[in-house]
Amino acid sequence: MSKEGTAGIGSIWNNNNWFYEEKNYTKFAKEYLSEQICKLQLTKNDTLVKLYEIKTMEGEASVTIRKQKQIFLYEFELEIYFEAMKIGDPAQKCKGKVKVHEFNQDDDELNMEITQESPASFVDEVKKILKGDMNDLLLKTVMSLGKAMREKDVDEVKIKKDQMERE
């Protein structure tokens, strides 16, 4: 569980943010993950691999406040389309899908299942890239969600406005 010492902002009724309160961040998390993941591309061994579309995204995200502490929670499962191309020979290309099985804020690895349109030696090379370096890059990206949620929740303007309303 991602726990932070940062004081979170609860509802106006939640004096000093002491009582349990949960904020739904699912919409924000889905938008953030979609934007960040669809930017990912990697070049290795003269092969360019791009993640270009999220087919499905299931899960939820929330920020819980209890005793002035924030707890950032999320759990998602993804299906992402990819395309790959040999830079030296653009005729060699393939497309496919990466299914990222359920992950959450505590994970240190992603469990991926890769399917592609046709088997070939080039496809085997692409699979190695996806399971290796792209997996690491994707993990860093999905783990950055907690930081993005924290930054959204601890917006200085929001905190000052909330403090003024409480006075």
Foldseek 3Di string as FASTA:
>chain_A
DDKDLAFFDDDLVCVSLAAKDKDWCFVVLVVQLQVQQLPDWDDDPQKIKGFHGWPDKDWTWMWITHHRMTDTKIKIKTKIKMKMARNVHRVDIWIWIKTWPIDMLPDPFTDIDIDIDDDDPVVVVVVVCCRPVVRNVSSVSSNCSRVVVVCVRVPPVVVVVSVVVND
